[in-house]
């Protein structure tokens, strides 16, 4: 691993300590997260990410710092759609607001392990078989075009193959039982809807990781930079969920901006051997596209109850 094992250990200890502080002290008692709490938590994670970027600048140089900030911005942007999935899952299972933070907390722990596995395997494959980078680039272009043409449709959790398989393995209790994931009834172990919601959130993160991680590979192959930018973005975005879940439909042109970013990064990966695009230039393009799509959404509000005009 780049830079040795100690930076990895220190970063993961830091993240686990912050999560323990979050669940063990700040949210020890289950309650519905307010917009103020959500904004403060998100601002805290953003500040920590910027401080981490500053630390990289002083200890590892400008290149690593810029790569981290660019990767963080990419991951943060591409994770926006995840907010809608979280909202749909919580709505479908009618998860009470007081338990949603608990589900997201444990979902973050699963995402950390998942992202770390994807990153290490992805970097190793690219370094062993460089031609795989062209496959990743083509996949990003495909994902970008698909996102631009995608018509929003309802997600049906009952058709999720993971959920259907899980139902065959373990019965599901009808109630939430004060926030527990499992309970025993008449000597039989049951999962609660809270655990089922967590299971679907984890499986949905697999899908999002398939887009976001290859996108950061277009910026850097340093696994530590890719991993830390991923984790900071996930932590911050899920903290912001409670404030933005109901507001994201305002940015109805954002998915076009995200699709353009995916295509741009895919072309960058494929054409890197012929035309090198500096990371600062790539960061400028990403920031410009995001600003333009958000500005267009605010200047031209959606029609027909949230669907953009055709």
C-alpha atoms as a PDB file:
ATOM      1  CA  UNK A   1       0.000   0.000   0.000  1.00  0.00           C
ATOM      2  CA  UNK A   2       1.204   3.478  -0.886  1.00  0.00           C
ATOM      3  CA  UNK A   3       2.927   5.171   2.062  1.00  0.00           C
ATOM      4  CA  UNK A   4       2.895   2.051   4.226  1.00  0.00           C
ATOM      5  CA  UNK A   5       0.235   0.536   6.439  1.00  0.00           C
ATOM      6  CA  UNK A   6       0.198   3.154   9.217  1.00  0.00           C
ATOM      7  CA  UNK A   7      -1.736   5.883   7.369  1.00  0.00           C
ATOM      8  CA  UNK A   8      -4.432   3.280   6.615  1.00  0.00           C
ATOM      9  CA  UNK A   9      -4.615   2.184  10.230  1.00  0.00           C
ATOM     10  CA  UNK A  10      -4.673   5.770  11.517  1.00  0.00           C
ATOM     11  CA  UNK A  11      -7.405   6.833   9.093  1.00  0.00           C
ATOM     12  CA  UNK A  12      -9.660   3.869   9.858  1.00  0.00           C
ATOM     13  CA  UNK A  13      -9.164   4.280  13.603  1.00  0.00           C
ATOM     14  CA  UNK A  14     -10.121   7.945  13.199  1.00  0.00           C
ATOM     15  CA  UNK A  15     -13.274   7.080  11.215  1.00  0.00           C
ATOM     16  CA  UNK A  16     -14.335   4.388  13.698  1.00  0.00           C
ATOM     17  CA  UNK A  17     -13.710   6.772  16.607  1.00  0.00           C
ATOM     18  CA  UNK A  18     -15.867   9.453  14.977  1.00  0.00           C
ATOM     19  CA  UNK A  19     -18.639   6.931  14.297  1.00  0.00           C
ATOM     20  CA  UNK A  20     -18.451   5.679  17.891  1.00  0.00           C
ATOM     21  CA  UNK A  21     -18.711   9.276  19.084  1.00  0.00           C
ATOM     22  CA  UNK A  22     -21.681   9.809  16.783  1.00  0.00           C
ATOM     23  CA  UNK A  23     -23.652   6.763  17.925  1.00  0.00           C
ATOM     24  CA  UNK A  24     -22.390   6.452  21.487  1.00  0.00           C
ATOM     25  CA  UNK A  25     -22.610  10.092  22.595  1.00  0.00           C
ATOM     26  CA  UNK A  26     -24.267  12.439  20.124  1.00  0.00           C
ATOM     27  CA  UNK A  27     -27.065  10.046  19.150  1.00  0.00           C
ATOM     28  CA  UNK A  28     -27.113   7.605  22.057  1.00  0.00           C
ATOM     29  CA  UNK A  29     -30.855   8.013  22.403  1.00  0.00           C
ATOM     30  CA  UNK A  30     -32.892   7.225  19.272  1.00  0.00           C
ATOM     31  CA  UNK A  31     -34.542  10.373  17.966  1.00  0.00           C
ATOM     32  CA  UNK A  32     -35.554  11.979  14.707  1.00  0.00           C
ATOM     33  CA  UNK A  33     -32.639  13.955  13.259  1.00  0.00           C
ATOM     34  CA  UNK A  34     -33.507  17.622  12.760  1.00  0.00           C
ATOM     35  CA  UNK A  35     -32.392  19.704   9.782  1.00  0.00           C
ATOM     36  CA  UNK A  36     -30.141  21.717  12.106  1.00  0.00           C
ATOM     37  CA  UNK A  37     -28.431  18.581  13.421  1.00  0.00           C
ATOM     38  CA  UNK A  38     -28.053  17.240   9.893  1.00  0.00           C
ATOM     39  CA  UNK A  39     -26.499  20.444   8.572  1.00  0.00           C
ATOM     40  CA  UNK A  40     -24.121  20.705  11.527  1.00  0.00           C
ATOM     41  CA  UNK A  41     -23.007  17.084  11.125  1.00  0.00           C
ATOM     42  CA  UNK A  42     -22.514  17.501   7.386  1.00  0.00           C
ATOM     43  CA  UNK A  43     -20.577  20.752   7.870  1.00  0.00           C
ATOM     44  CA  UNK A  44     -18.379  18.941  10.365  1.00  0.00           C
ATOM     45  CA  UNK A  45     -17.556  16.145   7.899  1.00  0.00           C
ATOM     46  CA  UNK A  46     -16.884  18.615   5.088  1.00  0.00           C
ATOM     47  CA  UNK A  47     -14.550  20.570   7.378  1.00  0.00           C
ATOM     48  CA  UNK A  48     -12.729  17.376   8.341  1.00  0.00           C
ATOM     49  CA  UNK A  49     -12.362  16.442   4.657  1.00  0.00           C
ATOM     50  CA  UNK A  50     -10.872  19.851   3.859  1.00  0.00           C
ATOM     51  CA  UNK A  51      -8.528  19.600   6.831  1.00  0.00           C
ATOM     52  CA  UNK A  52      -7.479  16.157   5.633  1.00  0.00           C
ATOM     53  CA  UNK A  53      -6.804  17.615   2.182  1.00  0.00           C
ATOM     54  CA  UNK A  54      -4.711  20.355   3.794  1.00  0.00           C
ATOM     55  CA  UNK A  55      -2.781  17.706   5.719  1.00  0.00           C
ATOM     56  CA  UNK A  56      -2.069  15.847   2.485  1.00  0.00           C
ATOM     57  CA  UNK A  57      -0.796  19.092   0.963  1.00  0.00           C
ATOM     58  CA  UNK A  58       1.713  19.651   3.768  1.00  0.00           C
ATOM     59  CA  UNK A  59       2.828  16.036   4.231  1.00  0.00           C
ATOM     60  CA  UNK A  60       2.518  14.535   0.739  1.00  0.00           C
ATOM     61  CA  UNK A  61       2.456  17.511  -1.610  1.00  0.00           C
ATOM     62  CA  UNK A  62       0.104  19.428  -3.879  1.00  0.00           C
ATOM     63  CA  UNK A  63      -0.573  16.565  -6.290  1.00  0.00           C
ATOM     64  CA  UNK A  64      -2.019  14.244  -3.652  1.00  0.00           C
ATOM     65  CA  UNK A  65      -4.046  17.079  -2.115  1.00  0.00           C
ATOM     66  CA  UNK A  66      -5.578  18.053  -5.470  1.00  0.00           C
ATOM     67  CA  UNK A  67      -6.256  14.399  -6.312  1.00  0.00           C
ATOM     68  CA  UNK A  68      -8.044  13.971  -2.981  1.00  0.00           C
ATOM     69  CA  UNK A  69     -10.219  17.072  -3.410  1.00  0.00           C
ATOM     70  CA  UNK A  70     -11.076  16.092  -6.997  1.00  0.00           C
ATOM     71  CA  UNK A  71     -11.938  12.538  -5.965  1.00  0.00           C
ATOM     72  CA  UNK A  72     -13.971  13.841  -3.022  1.00  0.00           C
ATOM     73  CA  UNK A  73     -15.973  16.154  -5.276  1.00  0.00           C
ATOM     74  CA  UNK A  74     -16.583  13.375  -7.820  1.00  0.00           C
ATOM     75  CA  UNK A  75     -17.712  10.893  -5.195  1.00  0.00           C
ATOM     76  CA  UNK A  76     -19.877  13.458  -3.423  1.00  0.00           C
ATOM     77  CA  UNK A  77     -21.580  14.375  -6.695  1.00  0.00           C
ATOM     78  CA  UNK A  78     -22.142  10.834  -7.917  1.00  0.00           C
ATOM     79  CA  UNK A  79     -23.592   9.813  -4.553  1.00  0.00           C
ATOM     80  CA  UNK A  80     -26.466  12.288  -4.862  1.00  0.00           C
ATOM     81  CA  UNK A  81     -28.712   9.686  -6.498  1.00  0.00           C
ATOM     82  CA  UNK A  82     -28.140   7.539  -3.429  1.00  0.00           C
ATOM     83  CA  UNK A  83     -30.278  10.003  -1.465  1.00  0.00           C
ATOM     84  CA  UNK A  84     -33.321   9.122  -3.548  1.00  0.00           C
ATOM     85  CA  UNK A  85     -32.745   5.397  -3.045  1.00  0.00           C
ATOM     86  CA  UNK A  86     -32.431   5.876   0.720  1.00  0.00           C
ATOM     87  CA  UNK A  87     -35.636   7.894   0.735  1.00  0.00           C
ATOM     88  CA  UNK A  88     -37.502   5.255  -1.298  1.00  0.00           C
ATOM     89  CA  UNK A  89     -36.311   2.392   0.909  1.00  0.00           C
ATOM     90  CA  UNK A  90     -37.232   4.186   4.128  1.00  0.00           C
ATOM     91  CA  UNK A  91     -40.612   5.168   2.680  1.00  0.00           C
ATOM     92  CA  UNK A  92     -41.351   1.679   1.367  1.00  0.00           C
ATOM     93  CA  UNK A  93     -40.702   0.017   4.734  1.00  0.00           C
ATOM     94  CA  UNK A  94     -42.175   2.985   6.618  1.00  0.00           C
ATOM     95  CA  UNK A  95     -39.070   3.255   8.792  1.00  0.00           C
ATOM     96  CA  UNK A  96     -39.763   5.766  11.580  1.00  0.00           C
ATOM     97  CA  UNK A  97     -37.540   8.831  11.551  1.00  0.00           C
ATOM     98  CA  UNK A  98     -36.140   7.993  14.992  1.00  0.00           C
ATOM     99  CA  UNK A  99     -34.558   4.782  13.621  1.00  0.00           C
ATOM    100  CA  UNK A 100     -33.268   6.036  10.269  1.00  0.00           C
ATOM    101  CA  UNK A 101     -29.995   7.340  11.705  1.00  0.00           C
ATOM    102  CA  UNK A 102     -29.291   3.909  13.248  1.00  0.00           C
ATOM    103  CA  UNK A 103     -29.750   2.183   9.883  1.00  0.00           C
ATOM    104  CA  UNK A 104     -27.494   4.693   8.112  1.00  0.00           C
ATOM    105  CA  UNK A 105     -24.837   4.318  10.810  1.00  0.00           C
ATOM    106  CA  UNK A 106     -24.529   0.560  10.299  1.00  0.00           C
ATOM    107  CA  UNK A 107     -24.855   1.053   6.554  1.00  0.00           C
ATOM    108  CA  UNK A 108     -21.725   3.218   6.649  1.00  0.00           C
ATOM    109  CA  UNK A 109     -19.718   0.442   8.322  1.00  0.00           C
ATOM    110  CA  UNK A 110     -20.716  -1.980   5.590  1.00  0.00           C
ATOM    111  CA  UNK A 111     -19.915   0.585   2.896  1.00  0.00           C
ATOM    112  CA  UNK A 112     -16.402   1.105   4.323  1.00  0.00           C
ATOM    113  CA  UNK A 113     -15.578  -2.609   3.972  1.00  0.00           C
ATOM    114  CA  UNK A 114     -17.185  -2.795   0.534  1.00  0.00           C
ATOM    115  CA  UNK A 115     -15.406   0.265  -0.867  1.00  0.00           C
ATOM    116  CA  UNK A 116     -12.036  -0.832   0.511  1.00  0.00           C
ATOM    117  CA  UNK A 117     -12.414  -4.228  -1.183  1.00  0.00           C
ATOM    118  CA  UNK A 118     -13.459  -2.702  -4.514  1.00  0.00           C
ATOM    119  CA  UNK A 119     -10.610  -0.189  -4.476  1.00  0.00           C
ATOM    120  CA  UNK A 120      -7.820  -2.625  -3.632  1.00  0.00           C
ATOM    121  CA  UNK A 121      -9.026  -5.153  -6.215  1.00  0.00           C
ATOM    122  CA  UNK A 122      -9.562  -2.459  -8.868  1.00  0.00           C
ATOM    123  CA  UNK A 123      -6.135  -0.874  -8.425  1.00  0.00           C
ATOM    124  CA  UNK A 124      -4.434  -4.272  -8.396  1.00  0.00           C
ATOM    125  CA  UNK A 125      -6.165  -5.290 -11.639  1.00  0.00           C
ATOM    126  CA  UNK A 126      -5.224  -2.043 -13.391  1.00  0.00           C
ATOM    127  CA  UNK A 127      -1.589  -2.351 -12.331  1.00  0.00           C
ATOM    128  CA  UNK A 128      -1.406  -5.986 -13.452  1.00  0.00           C
ATOM    129  CA  UNK A 129      -3.445  -5.554 -16.631  1.00  0.00           C
ATOM    130  CA  UNK A 130      -3.258  -1.920 -17.758  1.00  0.00           C
ATOM    131  CA  UNK A 131      -5.715  -2.504 -20.603  1.00  0.00           C
ATOM    132  CA  UNK A 132      -8.485  -2.871 -17.999  1.00  0.00           C
ATOM    133  CA  UNK A 133      -8.406   0.902 -17.623  1.00  0.00           C
ATOM    134  CA  UNK A 134      -9.953   1.137 -21.098  1.00  0.00           C
ATOM    135  CA  UNK A 135     -12.787  -1.142 -19.973  1.00  0.00           C
ATOM    136  CA  UNK A 136     -13.374   1.098 -16.959  1.00  0.00           C
ATOM    137  CA  UNK A 137     -13.354   4.137 -19.240  1.00  0.00           C
ATOM    138  CA  UNK A 138     -15.860   2.569 -21.633  1.00  0.00           C
ATOM    139  CA  UNK A 139     -18.044   1.575 -18.681  1.00  0.00           C
ATOM    140  CA  UNK A 140     -18.066   5.173 -17.406  1.00  0.00           C
ATOM    141  CA  UNK A 141     -19.104   6.457 -20.830  1.00  0.00           C
ATOM    142  CA  UNK A 142     -21.865   3.840 -20.995  1.00  0.00           C
ATOM    143  CA  UNK A 143     -23.023   4.752 -17.464  1.00  0.00           C
ATOM    144  CA  UNK A 144     -23.029   8.459 -18.338  1.00  0.00           C
ATOM    145  CA  UNK A 145     -25.118   7.976 -21.474  1.00  0.00           C
ATOM    146  CA  UNK A 146     -27.485   5.652 -19.637  1.00  0.00           C
ATOM    147  CA  UNK A 147     -27.898   8.201 -16.832  1.00  0.00           C
ATOM    148  CA  UNK A 148     -28.708  10.969 -19.326  1.00  0.00           C
ATOM    149  CA  UNK A 149     -31.354   8.832 -21.055  1.00  0.00           C
ATOM    150  CA  UNK A 150     -32.727   7.271 -17.891  1.00  0.00           C
ATOM    151  CA  UNK A 151     -36.346   7.994 -17.108  1.00  0.00           C
ATOM    152  CA  UNK A 152     -36.949   7.979 -13.370  1.00  0.00           C
ATOM    153  CA  UNK A 153     -38.984   4.981 -12.278  1.00  0.00           C
ATOM    154  CA  UNK A 154     -40.008   3.561  -8.933  1.00  0.00           C
ATOM    155  CA  UNK A 155     -37.704   1.136  -7.223  1.00  0.00           C
ATOM    156  CA  UNK A 156     -39.566  -1.993  -6.144  1.00  0.00           C
ATOM    157  CA  UNK A 157     -37.768  -3.553  -3.153  1.00  0.00           C
ATOM    158  CA  UNK A 158     -39.925  -6.693  -3.331  1.00  0.00           C
ATOM    159  CA  UNK A 159     -38.281  -7.542  -6.671  1.00  0.00           C
ATOM    160  CA  UNK A 160     -34.761  -7.244  -5.244  1.00  0.00           C
ATOM    161  CA  UNK A 161     -33.168 -10.726  -5.576  1.00  0.00           C
ATOM    162  CA  UNK A 162     -31.206 -10.291  -2.335  1.00  0.00           C
ATOM    163  CA  UNK A 163     -34.410  -9.583  -0.414  1.00  0.00           C
ATOM    164  CA  UNK A 164     -36.249 -12.483  -2.054  1.00  0.00           C
ATOM    165  CA  UNK A 165     -33.422 -14.852  -1.131  1.00  0.00           C
ATOM    166  CA  UNK A 166     -33.260 -13.493   2.413  1.00  0.00           C
ATOM    167  CA  UNK A 167     -36.976 -14.135   2.924  1.00  0.00           C
ATOM    168  CA  UNK A 168     -36.327 -17.822   2.229  1.00  0.00           C
ATOM    169  CA  UNK A 169     -33.595 -17.933   4.866  1.00  0.00           C
ATOM    170  CA  UNK A 170     -35.194 -15.989   7.721  1.00  0.00           C
ATOM    171  CA  UNK A 171     -38.740 -14.872   8.566  1.00  0.00           C
ATOM    172  CA  UNK A 172     -39.406 -11.143   8.879  1.00  0.00           C
ATOM    173  CA  UNK A 173     -41.271  -9.713  11.856  1.00  0.00           C
ATOM    174  CA  UNK A 174     -44.074  -7.209  11.182  1.00  0.00           C
ATOM    175  CA  UNK A 175     -42.946  -4.513  13.638  1.00  0.00           C
ATOM    176  CA  UNK A 176     -39.806  -2.499  14.443  1.00  0.00           C
ATOM    177  CA  UNK A 177     -39.511  -3.597  18.084  1.00  0.00           C
ATOM    178  CA  UNK A 178     -37.878  -0.435  19.446  1.00  0.00           C
ATOM    179  CA  UNK A 179     -35.142  -0.244  16.843  1.00  0.00           C
ATOM    180  CA  UNK A 180     -33.801  -3.802  17.014  1.00  0.00           C
ATOM    181  CA  UNK A 181     -32.546  -5.595  13.900  1.00  0.00           C
ATOM    182  CA  UNK A 182     -33.406  -9.092  15.131  1.00  0.00           C
ATOM    183  CA  UNK A 183     -35.763 -10.619  17.670  1.00  0.00           C
ATOM    184  CA  UNK A 184     -36.905 -14.042  18.807  1.00  0.00           C
ATOM    185  CA  UNK A 185     -40.586 -15.023  18.727  1.00  0.00           C
ATOM    186  CA  UNK A 186     -41.767 -18.410  19.941  1.00  0.00           C
ATOM    187  CA  UNK A 187     -38.208 -19.660  19.798  1.00  0.00           C
ATOM    188  CA  UNK A 188     -37.758 -18.575  16.163  1.00  0.00           C
ATOM    189  CA  UNK A 189     -35.225 -15.924  15.119  1.00  0.00           C
ATOM    190  CA  UNK A 190     -36.825 -13.117  13.076  1.00  0.00           C
ATOM    191  CA  UNK A 191     -35.385 -10.124  11.250  1.00  0.00           C
ATOM    192  CA  UNK A 192     -37.225  -6.828  11.618  1.00  0.00           C
ATOM    193  CA  UNK A 193     -38.049  -4.477   8.710  1.00  0.00           C
ATOM    194  CA  UNK A 194     -35.213  -2.304  10.032  1.00  0.00           C
ATOM    195  CA  UNK A 195     -32.656  -4.972   9.109  1.00  0.00           C
ATOM    196  CA  UNK A 196     -34.305  -5.537   5.732  1.00  0.00           C
ATOM    197  CA  UNK A 197     -33.984  -1.811   4.995  1.00  0.00           C
ATOM    198  CA  UNK A 198     -30.304  -1.991   5.987  1.00  0.00           C
ATOM    199  CA  UNK A 199     -29.806  -5.014   3.706  1.00  0.00           C
ATOM    200  CA  UNK A 200     -31.267  -3.157   0.715  1.00  0.00           C
ATOM    201  CA  UNK A 201     -29.206  -0.046   1.451  1.00  0.00           C
ATOM    202  CA  UNK A 202     -26.023  -2.145   1.462  1.00  0.00           C
ATOM    203  CA  UNK A 203     -26.897  -3.859  -1.833  1.00  0.00           C
ATOM    204  CA  UNK A 204     -27.733  -0.511  -3.432  1.00  0.00           C
ATOM    205  CA  UNK A 205     -24.290   0.764  -2.395  1.00  0.00           C
ATOM    206  CA  UNK A 206     -22.734  -1.989  -4.508  1.00  0.00           C
ATOM    207  CA  UNK A 207     -24.403  -0.491  -7.586  1.00  0.00           C
ATOM    208  CA  UNK A 208     -23.251   3.039  -6.784  1.00  0.00           C
ATOM    209  CA  UNK A 209     -19.699   1.857  -6.081  1.00  0.00           C
ATOM    210  CA  UNK A 210     -19.510   0.354  -9.575  1.00  0.00           C
ATOM    211  CA  UNK A 211     -19.890   3.870 -11.027  1.00  0.00           C
ATOM    212  CA  UNK A 212     -18.088   6.043  -8.499  1.00  0.00           C
ATOM    213  CA  UNK A 213     -14.887   4.085  -7.897  1.00  0.00           C
ATOM    214  CA  UNK A 214     -13.919   3.719 -11.598  1.00  0.00           C
ATOM    215  CA  UNK A 215     -14.628   7.464 -11.942  1.00  0.00           C
ATOM    216  CA  UNK A 216     -11.954   8.278  -9.349  1.00  0.00           C
ATOM    217  CA  UNK A 217      -9.544   5.917 -11.110  1.00  0.00           C
ATOM    218  CA  UNK A 218      -9.598   8.514 -13.901  1.00  0.00           C
ATOM    219  CA  UNK A 219      -7.966  10.913 -11.429  1.00  0.00           C
ATOM    220  CA  UNK A 220      -5.542   8.718  -9.477  1.00  0.00           C
ATOM    221  CA  UNK A 221      -4.636   5.092  -8.860  1.00  0.00           C
ATOM    222  CA  UNK A 222      -3.292   5.783  -5.383  1.00  0.00           C
ATOM    223  CA  UNK A 223      -5.535   3.467  -3.306  1.00  0.00           C
ATOM    224  CA  UNK A 224      -5.172   5.605  -0.179  1.00  0.00           C
ATOM    225  CA  UNK A 225      -6.402   8.740  -1.955  1.00  0.00           C
ATOM    226  CA  UNK A 226      -9.233   6.858  -3.656  1.00  0.00           C
ATOM    227  CA  UNK A 227     -10.312   5.231  -0.394  1.00  0.00           C
ATOM    228  CA  UNK A 228     -10.159   8.300   1.838  1.00  0.00           C
ATOM    229  CA  UNK A 229     -12.019  10.510  -0.656  1.00  0.00           C
ATOM    230  CA  UNK A 230     -14.702   7.810  -0.964  1.00  0.00           C
ATOM    231  CA  UNK A 231     -15.178   7.423   2.774  1.00  0.00           C
ATOM    232  CA  UNK A 232     -15.280  11.155   3.521  1.00  0.00           C
ATOM    233  CA  UNK A 233     -17.889  11.641   0.798  1.00  0.00           C
ATOM    234  CA  UNK A 234     -20.062   8.765   2.051  1.00  0.00           C
ATOM    235  CA  UNK A 235     -19.937   9.957   5.649  1.00  0.00           C
ATOM    236  CA  UNK A 236     -20.778  13.524   4.733  1.00  0.00           C
ATOM    237  CA  UNK A 237     -23.515  12.681   2.262  1.00  0.00           C
ATOM    238  CA  UNK A 238     -25.379  10.350   4.585  1.00  0.00           C
ATOM    239  CA  UNK A 239     -25.172  12.990   7.316  1.00  0.00           C
ATOM    240  CA  UNK A 240     -26.735  15.467   4.889  1.00  0.00           C
ATOM    241  CA  UNK A 241     -29.495  13.024   3.918  1.00  0.00           C
ATOM    242  CA  UNK A 242     -31.906  14.260   6.572  1.00  0.00           C
ATOM    243  CA  UNK A 243     -31.652  17.851   5.336  1.00  0.00           C
ATOM    244  CA  UNK A 244     -31.546  17.298   1.580  1.00  0.00           C
ATOM    245  CA  UNK A 245     -33.706  14.231   0.943  1.00  0.00           C
ATOM    246  CA  UNK A 246     -36.766  16.389   0.412  1.00  0.00           C
ATOM    247  CA  UNK A 247     -34.940  19.119  -1.505  1.00  0.00           C
ATOM    248  CA  UNK A 248     -32.932  17.176  -4.112  1.00  0.00           C
ATOM    249  CA  UNK A 249     -35.832  17.106  -6.580  1.00  0.00           C
ATOM    250  CA  UNK A 250     -35.256  20.848  -6.992  1.00  0.00           C
ATOM    251  CA  UNK A 251     -32.058  20.020  -8.884  1.00  0.00           C
ATOM    252  CA  UNK A 252     -33.796  18.210 -11.743  1.00  0.00           C
ATOM    253  CA  UNK A 253     -30.998  18.932 -14.243  1.00  0.00           C
ATOM    254  CA  UNK A 254     -28.289  17.594 -11.953  1.00  0.00           C
ATOM    255  CA  UNK A 255     -28.372  14.076 -13.412  1.00  0.00           C
ATOM    256  CA  UNK A 256     -27.460  15.552 -16.830  1.00  0.00           C
ATOM    257  CA  UNK A 257     -24.432  17.196 -15.237  1.00  0.00           C
ATOM    258  CA  UNK A 258     -23.458  13.939 -13.540  1.00  0.00           C
ATOM    259  CA  UNK A 259     -23.829  12.029 -16.817  1.00  0.00           C
ATOM    260  CA  UNK A 260     -21.563  14.579 -18.544  1.00  0.00           C
ATOM    261  CA  UNK A 261     -18.973  14.134 -15.784  1.00  0.00           C
ATOM    262  CA  UNK A 262     -19.010  10.343 -16.184  1.00  0.00           C
ATOM    263  CA  UNK A 263     -18.553  10.630 -19.955  1.00  0.00           C
ATOM    264  CA  UNK A 264     -15.751  13.181 -19.491  1.00  0.00           C
ATOM    265  CA  UNK A 265     -13.924  10.948 -17.008  1.00  0.00           C
ATOM    266  CA  UNK A 266     -14.397   7.911 -19.236  1.00  0.00           C
ATOM    267  CA  UNK A 267     -12.890   9.750 -22.202  1.00  0.00           C
ATOM    268  CA  UNK A 268     -10.068  10.961 -19.955  1.00  0.00           C
ATOM    269  CA  UNK A 269      -9.232   7.381 -18.968  1.00  0.00           C
ATOM    270  CA  UNK A 270      -9.318   6.080 -22.544  1.00  0.00           C
ATOM    271  CA  UNK A 271      -7.399   9.001 -24.045  1.00  0.00           C
ATOM    272  CA  UNK A 272      -4.813   9.499 -21.296  1.00  0.00           C
ATOM    273  CA  UNK A 273      -2.080   7.905 -23.437  1.00  0.00           C
ATOM    274  CA  UNK A 274      -2.710  10.436 -26.205  1.00  0.00           C
ATOM    275  CA  UNK A 275      -3.748  13.589 -24.343  1.00  0.00           C
ATOM    276  CA  UNK A 276      -2.910  14.195 -20.691  1.00  0.00           C
ATOM    277  CA  UNK A 277      -5.442  16.360 -18.864  1.00  0.00           C
ATOM    278  CA  UNK A 278      -4.005  17.817 -15.619  1.00  0.00           C
ATOM    279  CA  UNK A 279      -5.994  17.029 -12.494  1.00  0.00           C
ATOM    280  CA  UNK A 280      -6.518  20.739 -11.771  1.00  0.00           C
ATOM    281  CA  UNK A 281      -8.076  21.141 -15.220  1.00  0.00           C
ATOM    282  CA  UNK A 282     -10.294  18.098 -14.618  1.00  0.00           C
ATOM    283  CA  UNK A 283     -11.334  19.538 -11.248  1.00  0.00           C
ATOM    284  CA  UNK A 284     -12.258  22.809 -12.977  1.00  0.00           C
ATOM    285  CA  UNK A 285     -14.374  21.001 -15.577  1.00  0.00           C
ATOM    286  CA  UNK A 286     -16.213  18.993 -12.902  1.00  0.00           C
ATOM    287  CA  UNK A 287     -16.892  22.073 -10.770  1.00  0.00           C
ATOM    288  CA  UNK A 288     -18.097  24.025 -13.824  1.00  0.00           C
ATOM    289  CA  UNK A 289     -20.478  21.275 -14.960  1.00  0.00           C
ATOM    290  CA  UNK A 290     -21.945  20.845 -11.470  1.00  0.00           C
ATOM    291  CA  UNK A 291     -22.418  24.598 -11.042  1.00  0.00           C
ATOM    292  CA  UNK A 292     -24.069  24.902 -14.460  1.00  0.00           C
ATOM    293  CA  UNK A 293     -26.504  22.010 -13.854  1.00  0.00           C
ATOM    294  CA  UNK A 294     -27.507  23.286 -10.389  1.00  0.00           C
ATOM    295  CA  UNK A 295     -27.883  26.864 -11.668  1.00  0.00           C
ATOM    296  CA  UNK A 296     -30.033  25.682 -14.593  1.00  0.00           C
ATOM    297  CA  UNK A 297     -32.254  23.727 -12.173  1.00  0.00           C
ATOM    298  CA  UNK A 298     -32.821  26.825 -10.053  1.00  0.00           C
ATOM    299  CA  UNK A 299     -33.339  29.168 -13.016  1.00  0.00           C
ATOM    300  CA  UNK A 300     -35.763  26.823 -14.783  1.00  0.00           C
ATOM    301  CA  UNK A 301     -37.845  25.037 -12.118  1.00  0.00           C
ATOM    302  CA  UNK A 302     -39.330  21.622 -12.868  1.00  0.00           C
ATOM    303  CA  UNK A 303     -42.891  21.374 -14.072  1.00  0.00           C
ATOM    304  CA  UNK A 304     -45.632  18.841 -13.371  1.00  0.00           C
ATOM    305  CA  UNK A 305     -44.859  18.251  -9.719  1.00  0.00           C
ATOM    306  CA  UNK A 306     -41.171  17.641  -9.929  1.00  0.00           C
ATOM    307  CA  UNK A 307     -40.791  16.192 -13.430  1.00  0.00           C
ATOM    308  CA  UNK A 308     -38.892  18.418 -15.781  1.00  0.00           C
ATOM    309  CA  UNK A 309     -40.692  19.691 -18.820  1.00  0.00           C
ATOM    310  CA  UNK A 310     -40.344  17.684 -21.997  1.00  0.00           C
END
